[in-house]
Amino acid sequence: MIAADSSALVSFFAGEQGREVELVQAVLTANDICLPPAALAEMLSDPVPSDEMVAAVLGFPLLPVLEGYWERAGLTRRLLLQKGFKAKLGDVLIAQSCIDHDVPLIAIDTDFRHFAKHCGLKLA
């Protein structure tokens, strides 16, 4: 399985081009996509969602929240903030889901590089 962040999914559903969009297409074709719960929440909070996007993301399997997730997410965020990096709560929750399940993440948002370098996140 490979997880997708809302940044990559928004670009995919908008018909944009790029490496991450191609990766989303590939994992969709292979039926190998999954979503961190926070990414699903971000996608469904779009004020003007397309019916296609809503139907698609509601059909993607979600990564389950594991015991101790919230504590690990808090510690991950603290680590990055102590190092002086941005660590938006939504990004932390997405990254922690992927870290917990050892699932790579497709993301356009460059803030995830800090999670990869310092916290064990695998970027696709």
Protein backbone atom coordinates (compact mmCIF):
# COMPACT_ATOMS: atom_id res chain seq x y z
CA MET A 1 0.00 0.00 0.00
CA ILE A 2 1.00 3.60 -0.63
CA ALA A 3 -0.67 6.55 1.07
CA ALA A 4 -1.54 9.82 -0.60
CA ASP A 5 -1.63 13.26 0.95
CA SER A 6 -4.33 15.72 0.05
CA SER A 7 -1.79 17.88 -1.84
CA ALA A 8 -1.16 15.06 -4.33
CA LEU A 9 -4.83 14.07 -4.53
CA VAL A 10 -6.02 17.62 -5.17
CA SER A 11 -3.51 17.94 -8.01
CA PHE A 12 -4.56 14.55 -9.40
CA PHE A 13 -8.28 15.37 -9.40
CA ALA A 14 -7.54 18.80 -10.92
CA GLY A 15 -5.85 17.08 -13.86
CA GLU A 16 -2.47 18.64 -13.15
CA GLN A 17 0.84 17.16 -14.29
CA GLY A 18 3.85 16.09 -12.27
CA ARG A 19 5.71 13.21 -10.73
CA GLU A 20 3.41 12.94 -7.70
CA VAL A 21 0.28 12.99 -9.89
CA GLU A 22 1.76 10.17 -11.97
CA LEU A 23 2.44 8.23 -8.77
CA VAL A 24 -1.18 8.69 -7.65
CA GLN A 25 -2.35 7.40 -11.04
CA ALA A 26 -0.03 4.40 -10.78
CA VAL A 27 -1.17 3.37 -7.28
CA LEU A 28 -4.81 3.86 -8.26
CA THR A 29 -4.30 1.65 -11.31
CA ALA A 30 -2.63 -0.97 -9.11
CA ASN A 31 -5.45 -0.62 -6.54
CA ASP A 32 -2.72 0.01 -3.97
CA ILE A 33 -3.77 3.38 -2.50
CA CYS A 34 -4.72 4.11 1.08
CA LEU A 35 -5.37 7.25 3.07
CA PRO A 36 -4.37 8.45 6.49
CA PRO A 37 -7.62 9.51 8.23
CA ALA A 38 -6.48 13.15 8.41
CA ALA A 39 -5.99 13.22 4.62
CA LEU A 40 -9.57 12.01 4.15
CA ALA A 41 -10.80 14.79 6.44
CA GLU A 42 -8.80 17.36 4.46
CA MET A 43 -10.23 16.11 1.16
CA LEU A 44 -13.82 16.11 2.40
CA SER A 45 -13.46 19.65 3.80
CA ASP A 46 -13.05 21.09 0.28
CA PRO A 47 -15.79 23.75 0.08
CA VAL A 48 -16.57 22.86 -3.55
CA PRO A 49 -15.73 19.18 -3.98
CA SER A 50 -16.33 17.30 -7.20
CA ASP A 51 -18.65 14.30 -7.00
CA GLU A 52 -15.88 12.19 -8.59
CA MET A 53 -13.38 13.14 -5.91
CA VAL A 54 -15.77 12.54 -3.02
CA ALA A 55 -16.80 9.13 -4.35
CA ALA A 56 -13.17 8.15 -4.95
CA VAL A 57 -11.74 9.15 -1.57
CA LEU A 58 -14.64 7.59 0.32
CA GLY A 59 -13.76 4.32 -1.41
CA PHE A 60 -10.07 4.37 -0.46
CA PRO A 61 -9.07 2.19 2.51
CA LEU A 62 -8.05 4.12 5.62
CA LEU A 63 -5.00 3.44 7.72
CA PRO A 64 -6.28 2.46 11.17
CA VAL A 65 -5.29 4.55 14.18
CA LEU A 66 -3.03 2.43 16.38
CA GLU A 67 -2.73 2.44 20.16
CA GLY A 68 -0.51 5.33 21.27
CA TYR A 69 -0.95 7.23 17.99
CA TRP A 70 -1.86 10.55 19.62
CA GLU A 71 1.12 10.45 21.95
CA ARG A 72 3.52 9.58 19.12
CA ALA A 73 2.03 12.36 16.99
CA GLY A 74 2.57 14.87 19.79
CA LEU A 75 6.16 13.75 20.28
CA THR A 76 6.84 13.86 16.54
CA ARG A 77 5.49 17.40 16.34
CA ARG A 78 7.49 18.48 19.35
CA LEU A 79 10.70 17.07 17.85
CA LEU A 80 10.25 19.02 14.61
CA LEU A 81 9.24 22.24 16.39
CA GLN A 82 12.31 21.95 18.64
CA LYS A 83 14.44 21.73 15.50
CA GLY A 84 12.80 24.91 14.18
CA PHE A 85 10.73 23.30 11.42
CA LYS A 86 7.11 23.86 10.53
CA ALA A 87 4.91 21.04 11.79
CA LYS A 88 1.26 21.76 10.99
CA LEU A 89 -1.00 19.50 13.00
CA GLY A 90 -2.68 18.04 9.90
CA ASP A 91 0.69 17.17 8.39
CA VAL A 92 1.82 15.60 11.67
CA LEU A 93 -1.29 13.40 11.82
CA ILE A 94 -0.84 12.28 8.21
CA ALA A 95 2.88 11.58 8.66
CA GLN A 96 2.37 9.71 11.93
CA SER A 97 -0.22 7.40 10.35
CA CYS A 98 2.24 6.53 7.60
CA ILE A 99 5.15 6.12 10.03
CA ASP A 100 3.07 3.82 12.25
CA HIS A 101 2.20 1.56 9.33
CA ASP A 102 5.55 1.85 7.50
CA VAL A 103 3.65 3.05 4.43
CA PRO A 104 5.26 5.50 1.97
CA LEU A 105 3.49 8.80 1.36
CA ILE A 106 2.91 10.59 -1.94
CA ALA A 107 2.94 14.32 -1.20
CA ILE A 108 3.58 17.52 -3.10
CA ASP A 109 3.77 19.52 0.14
CA THR A 110 7.50 19.94 0.80
CA ASP A 111 6.98 20.22 4.58
CA PHE A 112 6.91 16.41 4.69
CA ARG A 113 10.65 16.27 3.91
CA HIS A 114 11.35 17.11 7.57
CA PHE A 115 9.30 14.13 8.70
CA ALA A 116 11.33 11.96 6.33
CA LYS A 117 14.69 13.27 7.50
CA HIS A 118 14.02 13.32 11.25
CA CYS A 119 11.07 11.02 12.01
CA GLY A 120 11.22 7.98 9.76
CA LEU A 121 8.55 8.89 7.20
CA LYS A 122 9.08 7.26 3.82
CA LEU A 123 8.23 9.48 0.85
CA ALA A 124 7.15 7.77 -2.36
